[in-house]
Amino acid sequence: MRAALFALGLAALAWGSWLAVDFATASWRDTWQSLAIFVGGPVLHDAVVAPIVGGTALLLTRVLPPAWHTAVKAAAAATAVLVLLAIPLLWHPFGVPTNPGLHDRDYATGLLIALGVVWLVAATTGLITSKRRPTP
């Protein structure tokens, strides 16, 4: 089973690499977009987003009781992922030809609603956990 999953994963990696190279070599503009996606994204994540989320989580774990640590760390990570996914549409809403039903939304409001749900779930989980576990 592992060998079959390994082979499928390797095939998916090869196909994705083929598509990425095909996209990057289509035009000069696509080459720059590919560099922004495949180089700029990871660098932005590792240099900016990960330290901010890690530092925030570390700070919050020093301030909050232990029962809240897991919920707050998970919510901070989910917040970072949601914001990273929303940045392209908040920054440049129509980077591709419009697709009716896809681009006719208010992305800022959608992001705020999603973040509200994430932190509401975190608060609920923290409250439930703190009620179950006595604080030392």
C-alpha atoms as a PDB file:
ATOM      1  CA  MET A   1       0.000   0.000   0.000  1.00  0.00           C
ATOM      2  CA  ARG A   2       2.834   2.407   0.866  1.00  0.00           C
ATOM      3  CA  ALA A   3       4.543   1.705  -2.445  1.00  0.00           C
ATOM      4  CA  ALA A   4       1.323   2.412  -4.345  1.00  0.00           C
ATOM      5  CA  LEU A   5       0.760   5.674  -2.462  1.00  0.00           C
ATOM      6  CA  PHE A   6       4.407   6.619  -2.996  1.00  0.00           C
ATOM      7  CA  ALA A   7       4.092   5.957  -6.738  1.00  0.00           C
ATOM      8  CA  LEU A   8       0.873   7.984  -6.935  1.00  0.00           C
ATOM      9  CA  GLY A   9       2.462  10.841  -5.026  1.00  0.00           C
ATOM     10  CA  LEU A  10       5.528  10.765  -7.258  1.00  0.00           C
ATOM     11  CA  ALA A  11       3.318  10.779 -10.359  1.00  0.00           C
ATOM     12  CA  ALA A  12       1.343  13.757  -8.997  1.00  0.00           C
ATOM     13  CA  LEU A  13       4.607  15.582  -8.226  1.00  0.00           C
ATOM     14  CA  ALA A  14       5.907  14.943 -11.741  1.00  0.00           C
ATOM     15  CA  TRP A  15       2.644  16.107 -13.317  1.00  0.00           C
ATOM     16  CA  GLY A  16       2.550  19.237 -11.171  1.00  0.00           C
ATOM     17  CA  SER A  17       6.179  19.999 -12.047  1.00  0.00           C
ATOM     18  CA  TRP A  18       5.411  19.547 -15.725  1.00  0.00           C
ATOM     19  CA  LEU A  19       2.463  21.942 -15.494  1.00  0.00           C
ATOM     20  CA  ALA A  20       4.506  24.490 -13.514  1.00  0.00           C
ATOM     21  CA  VAL A  21       7.324  24.472 -16.077  1.00  0.00           C
ATOM     22  CA  ASP A  22       4.805  24.670 -18.914  1.00  0.00           C
ATOM     23  CA  PHE A  23       3.152  27.672 -17.247  1.00  0.00           C
ATOM     24  CA  ALA A  24       6.448  29.401 -16.437  1.00  0.00           C
ATOM     25  CA  THR A  25       7.789  29.102 -19.980  1.00  0.00           C
ATOM     26  CA  ALA A  26       4.620  30.225 -21.772  1.00  0.00           C
ATOM     27  CA  SER A  27       5.506  33.925 -21.746  1.00  0.00           C
ATOM     28  CA  TRP A  28       7.738  36.462 -20.025  1.00  0.00           C
ATOM     29  CA  ARG A  29       4.820  37.664 -17.880  1.00  0.00           C
ATOM     30  CA  ASP A  30       4.065  34.103 -16.785  1.00  0.00           C
ATOM     31  CA  THR A  31       7.717  33.613 -15.858  1.00  0.00           C
ATOM     32  CA  TRP A  32       7.535  36.548 -13.444  1.00  0.00           C
ATOM     33  CA  GLN A  33       4.238  35.311 -12.040  1.00  0.00           C
ATOM     34  CA  SER A  34       5.773  31.862 -11.531  1.00  0.00           C
ATOM     35  CA  LEU A  35       8.709  33.375  -9.673  1.00  0.00           C
ATOM     36  CA  ALA A  36       6.327  35.359  -7.493  1.00  0.00           C
ATOM     37  CA  ILE A  37       4.303  32.244  -6.707  1.00  0.00           C
ATOM     38  CA  PHE A  38       7.055  29.646  -6.282  1.00  0.00           C
ATOM     39  CA  VAL A  39       9.753  31.860  -4.748  1.00  0.00           C
ATOM     40  CA  GLY A  40       8.022  34.940  -3.356  1.00  0.00           C
ATOM     41  CA  GLY A  41       5.269  33.012  -1.573  1.00  0.00           C
ATOM     42  CA  PRO A  42       7.552  30.748   0.473  1.00  0.00           C
ATOM     43  CA  VAL A  43       9.965  33.594   1.230  1.00  0.00           C
ATOM     44  CA  LEU A  44       7.082  35.819   2.372  1.00  0.00           C
ATOM     45  CA  HIS A  45       5.762  32.999   4.510  1.00  0.00           C
ATOM     46  CA  ASP A  46       9.085  32.088   6.104  1.00  0.00           C
ATOM     47  CA  ALA A  47      10.331  35.639   6.591  1.00  0.00           C
ATOM     48  CA  VAL A  48       7.135  37.428   7.618  1.00  0.00           C
ATOM     49  CA  VAL A  49       4.094  35.261   8.322  1.00  0.00           C
ATOM     50  CA  ALA A  50       5.631  32.365  10.275  1.00  0.00           C
ATOM     51  CA  PRO A  51       7.570  34.595  12.701  1.00  0.00           C
ATOM     52  CA  ILE A  52       4.510  36.786  13.320  1.00  0.00           C
ATOM     53  CA  VAL A  53       2.218  33.802  13.955  1.00  0.00           C
ATOM     54  CA  GLY A  54       4.843  32.017  16.073  1.00  0.00           C
ATOM     55  CA  GLY A  55       5.592  35.131  18.109  1.00  0.00           C
ATOM     56  CA  THR A  56       1.906  35.843  18.617  1.00  0.00           C
ATOM     57  CA  ALA A  57       1.285  32.265  19.734  1.00  0.00           C
ATOM     58  CA  LEU A  58       4.253  32.403  22.108  1.00  0.00           C
ATOM     59  CA  LEU A  59       3.076  35.696  23.565  1.00  0.00           C
ATOM     60  CA  LEU A  60      -0.482  34.432  23.995  1.00  0.00           C
ATOM     61  CA  THR A  61       0.653  31.236  25.708  1.00  0.00           C
ATOM     62  CA  ARG A  62       2.534  33.316  28.262  1.00  0.00           C
ATOM     63  CA  VAL A  63      -0.548  35.432  28.960  1.00  0.00           C
ATOM     64  CA  LEU A  64      -3.395  32.900  28.750  1.00  0.00           C
ATOM     65  CA  PRO A  65      -4.098  29.963  31.050  1.00  0.00           C
ATOM     66  CA  PRO A  66      -2.937  26.515  29.817  1.00  0.00           C
ATOM     67  CA  ALA A  67      -6.489  25.413  28.961  1.00  0.00           C
ATOM     68  CA  TRP A  68      -6.619  28.064  26.225  1.00  0.00           C
ATOM     69  CA  HIS A  69      -3.240  27.385  24.584  1.00  0.00           C
ATOM     70  CA  THR A  70      -4.286  24.834  21.960  1.00  0.00           C
ATOM     71  CA  ALA A  71      -7.418  26.690  20.878  1.00  0.00           C
ATOM     72  CA  VAL A  72      -5.620  30.016  20.535  1.00  0.00           C
ATOM     73  CA  LYS A  73      -2.636  28.544  18.681  1.00  0.00           C
ATOM     74  CA  ALA A  74      -4.952  26.745  16.238  1.00  0.00           C
ATOM     75  CA  ALA A  75      -6.984  29.926  15.696  1.00  0.00           C
ATOM     76  CA  ALA A  76      -3.818  31.962  15.109  1.00  0.00           C
ATOM     77  CA  ALA A  77      -2.604  29.454  12.505  1.00  0.00           C
ATOM     78  CA  ALA A  78      -6.028  29.362  10.811  1.00  0.00           C
ATOM     79  CA  THR A  79      -6.088  33.171  10.780  1.00  0.00           C
ATOM     80  CA  ALA A  80      -2.710  33.267   9.046  1.00  0.00           C
ATOM     81  CA  VAL A  81      -3.854  30.754   6.420  1.00  0.00           C
ATOM     82  CA  LEU A  82      -7.113  32.604   5.740  1.00  0.00           C
ATOM     83  CA  VAL A  83      -5.366  35.955   5.431  1.00  0.00           C
ATOM     84  CA  LEU A  84      -2.723  34.505   3.098  1.00  0.00           C
ATOM     85  CA  LEU A  85      -5.429  33.002   0.898  1.00  0.00           C
ATOM     86  CA  ALA A  86      -7.403  36.249   0.849  1.00  0.00           C
ATOM     87  CA  ILE A  87      -4.510  38.612   0.069  1.00  0.00           C
ATOM     88  CA  PRO A  88      -4.588  38.169  -3.730  1.00  0.00           C
ATOM     89  CA  LEU A  89      -8.314  38.890  -3.945  1.00  0.00           C
ATOM     90  CA  LEU A  90      -8.181  41.776  -1.484  1.00  0.00           C
ATOM     91  CA  TRP A  91      -5.165  43.314  -3.196  1.00  0.00           C
ATOM     92  CA  HIS A  92      -6.122  42.807  -6.840  1.00  0.00           C
ATOM     93  CA  PRO A  93      -9.719  41.561  -7.009  1.00  0.00           C
ATOM     94  CA  PHE A  94      -9.977  40.654 -10.690  1.00  0.00           C
ATOM     95  CA  GLY A  95      -6.624  39.259 -11.778  1.00  0.00           C
ATOM     96  CA  VAL A  96      -8.303  36.811 -14.141  1.00  0.00           C
ATOM     97  CA  PRO A  97     -11.274  37.063 -16.478  1.00  0.00           C
ATOM     98  CA  THR A  98     -14.406  37.337 -14.394  1.00  0.00           C
ATOM     99  CA  ASN A  99     -16.482  34.244 -13.817  1.00  0.00           C
ATOM    100  CA  PRO A 100     -20.108  35.079 -12.994  1.00  0.00           C
ATOM    101  CA  GLY A 101     -20.908  33.957  -9.487  1.00  0.00           C
ATOM    102  CA  LEU A 102     -17.262  33.722  -8.462  1.00  0.00           C
ATOM    103  CA  HIS A 103     -16.071  37.327  -8.472  1.00  0.00           C
ATOM    104  CA  ASP A 104     -19.239  39.061  -7.368  1.00  0.00           C
ATOM    105  CA  ARG A 105     -18.509  38.954  -3.653  1.00  0.00           C
ATOM    106  CA  ASP A 106     -17.202  41.236  -0.982  1.00  0.00           C
ATOM    107  CA  TYR A 107     -13.961  39.478  -0.060  1.00  0.00           C
ATOM    108  CA  ALA A 108     -13.152  41.698   2.912  1.00  0.00           C
ATOM    109  CA  THR A 109     -16.497  40.931   4.541  1.00  0.00           C
ATOM    110  CA  GLY A 110     -16.099  37.232   3.778  1.00  0.00           C
ATOM    111  CA  LEU A 111     -12.667  37.217   5.377  1.00  0.00           C
ATOM    112  CA  LEU A 112     -13.963  39.003   8.482  1.00  0.00           C
ATOM    113  CA  ILE A 113     -16.844  36.522   8.794  1.00  0.00           C
ATOM    114  CA  ALA A 114     -14.463  33.556   8.430  1.00  0.00           C
ATOM    115  CA  LEU A 115     -12.108  35.025  11.031  1.00  0.00           C
ATOM    116  CA  GLY A 116     -15.040  35.668  13.349  1.00  0.00           C
ATOM    117  CA  VAL A 117     -16.113  32.024  13.049  1.00  0.00           C
ATOM    118  CA  VAL A 118     -12.559  30.791  13.681  1.00  0.00           C
ATOM    119  CA  TRP A 119     -12.153  32.886  16.824  1.00  0.00           C
ATOM    120  CA  LEU A 120     -15.685  32.069  18.036  1.00  0.00           C
ATOM    121  CA  VAL A 121     -14.849  28.368  17.782  1.00  0.00           C
ATOM    122  CA  ALA A 122     -11.536  29.018  19.563  1.00  0.00           C
ATOM    123  CA  ALA A 123     -13.291  30.919  22.352  1.00  0.00           C
ATOM    124  CA  THR A 124     -15.923  28.196  22.723  1.00  0.00           C
ATOM    125  CA  THR A 125     -13.261  25.490  22.783  1.00  0.00           C
ATOM    126  CA  GLY A 126     -11.203  27.428  25.308  1.00  0.00           C
ATOM    127  CA  LEU A 127     -14.208  27.922  27.569  1.00  0.00           C
ATOM    128  CA  ILE A 128     -15.191  24.250  27.404  1.00  0.00           C
ATOM    129  CA  THR A 129     -11.611  23.134  28.053  1.00  0.00           C
ATOM    130  CA  SER A 130     -11.177  25.528  30.965  1.00  0.00           C
ATOM    131  CA  LYS A 131     -14.413  24.294  32.575  1.00  0.00           C
ATOM    132  CA  ARG A 132     -13.295  20.659  32.281  1.00  0.00           C
ATOM    133  CA  ARG A 133      -9.734  21.131  33.474  1.00  0.00           C
ATOM    134  CA  PRO A 134      -9.070  22.903  36.757  1.00  0.00           C
ATOM    135  CA  THR A 135      -6.390  25.579  36.630  1.00  0.00           C
ATOM    136  CA  PRO A 136      -3.348  24.691  38.783  1.00  0.00           C
END
